[in-house]
Protein backbone atom coordinates (compact mmCIF):
# COMPACT_ATOMS: atom_id res chain seq x y z
CA THR A 1 -19.68 -113.98 12.51
CA ASN A 2 -23.07 -115.33 11.45
CA ASN A 3 -23.43 -118.99 10.55
CA HIS A 4 -25.42 -118.16 7.41
CA VAL A 5 -22.48 -116.06 6.14
CA ILE A 6 -20.00 -118.98 6.17
CA ALA A 7 -22.38 -121.96 5.94
CA ASP A 8 -21.40 -123.10 2.44
CA ALA A 9 -17.90 -121.60 2.32
CA ASP A 10 -14.97 -123.58 0.96
CA GLU A 11 -12.55 -120.96 2.29
CA ILE A 12 -12.99 -118.27 4.96
CA ASN A 13 -11.08 -115.00 5.09
CA VAL A 14 -11.16 -112.21 7.65
CA ILE A 15 -10.69 -108.62 6.46
CA LEU A 16 -9.45 -106.23 9.14
CA ASN A 17 -10.23 -102.50 9.33
CA ASP A 18 -6.94 -101.60 7.62
CA GLY A 19 -7.82 -103.85 4.66
CA THR A 20 -5.51 -106.71 5.68
CA LYS A 21 -6.94 -110.06 4.53
CA THR A 22 -6.06 -113.31 6.32
CA LYS A 23 -7.33 -116.90 6.26
CA ALA A 24 -9.58 -118.06 9.09
CA GLU A 25 -10.51 -121.48 10.45
CA LEU A 26 -14.05 -122.40 11.48
CA VAL A 27 -14.05 -123.43 15.15
CA GLY A 28 -17.77 -124.12 15.56
CA VAL A 29 -21.33 -123.03 14.84
CA ASP A 30 -24.66 -122.70 16.61
CA LYS A 31 -27.39 -122.80 14.00
CA LYS A 32 -30.14 -121.85 16.48
CA THR A 33 -28.52 -118.48 17.19
CA ASP A 34 -26.95 -118.18 13.71
CA LEU A 35 -23.46 -117.79 15.19
CA ALA A 36 -20.11 -119.04 13.89
CA VAL A 37 -16.80 -118.82 15.73
CA LEU A 38 -13.69 -118.26 13.63
CA LYS A 39 -10.01 -118.47 14.54
CA PHE A 40 -7.24 -116.63 12.72
CA LYS A 41 -3.70 -115.47 13.35
CA PRO A 42 -3.48 -111.68 12.94
CA PRO A 43 -0.42 -110.41 11.08
CA LYS A 44 0.14 -107.84 13.87
CA PRO A 45 -1.20 -107.50 17.43
CA LEU A 46 -4.84 -106.45 17.75
CA VAL A 47 -6.33 -104.20 20.43
CA ALA A 48 -8.88 -106.01 22.59
CA VAL A 49 -12.37 -104.62 23.17
CA LYS A 50 -13.42 -104.10 26.77
CA PHE A 51 -16.80 -105.75 27.25
CA GLY A 52 -19.38 -104.54 29.74
CA ASP A 53 -20.62 -106.61 32.66
CA SER A 54 -24.15 -107.82 31.85
CA ASP A 55 -24.80 -108.48 35.55
CA LYS A 56 -24.49 -104.72 36.12
CA LEU A 57 -26.86 -103.84 33.25
CA ARG A 58 -29.89 -101.85 34.41
CA LEU A 59 -33.22 -101.00 32.83
CA GLY A 60 -32.89 -97.69 31.00
CA ASP A 61 -29.18 -98.19 30.17
CA TRP A 62 -28.07 -97.34 26.66
CA VAL A 63 -26.53 -100.17 24.63
CA VAL A 64 -24.92 -100.38 21.19
CA ALA A 65 -24.25 -103.14 18.68
CA ILE A 66 -21.38 -102.58 16.26
CA GLY A 67 -20.90 -104.68 13.14
CA ASN A 68 -20.08 -104.82 9.47
CA PRO A 69 -23.06 -106.51 7.79
CA PHE A 70 -22.70 -107.23 4.09
CA SER A 71 -19.30 -105.42 4.14
CA LEU A 72 -21.08 -102.07 4.38
CA GLY A 73 -18.09 -100.56 6.13
CA GLY A 74 -19.43 -100.71 9.67
CA THR A 75 -22.78 -100.08 11.28
CA VAL A 76 -23.87 -99.05 14.75
CA THR A 77 -27.28 -99.68 16.27
CA ALA A 78 -28.25 -98.06 19.59
CA GLY A 79 -31.08 -98.78 21.97
CA ILE A 80 -32.29 -98.63 25.54
CA VAL A 81 -32.67 -101.71 27.74
CA SER A 82 -36.39 -102.04 28.38
CA ALA A 83 -36.44 -105.42 30.18
CA LYS A 84 -34.23 -108.21 31.51
CA ASN A 85 -34.84 -111.93 31.96
CA ARG A 86 -37.96 -111.79 29.79
CA ASP A 87 -39.29 -115.11 28.49
CA ILE A 88 -41.05 -114.54 25.16
CA SER A 89 -41.31 -118.28 24.38
CA SER A 90 -39.25 -117.74 21.25
CA GLY A 91 -36.85 -120.64 21.63
CA PRO A 92 -34.35 -122.32 23.91
CA TYR A 93 -32.36 -119.14 24.66
CA ASP A 94 -35.05 -116.86 26.19
């Protein structure tokens, strides 16, 4: 999840697609990228997502980002890869 979402939390819960709510533990954060890693024990087995291989990514490939910002019920953003290995001098992760 995002670091800003859990930054001041006293308790963290994960809500699964079926509405199941379970407690989560904060494993670590990276404030520069606004990421937080959570750990939780699912009440039943979860299906893993198959990730693509970024080394095989080519210019012109379609990509998607799937999320659930602000508990909106899921969002999808699509785009086309226009460049790789571009340094825009925007920080330590260019």
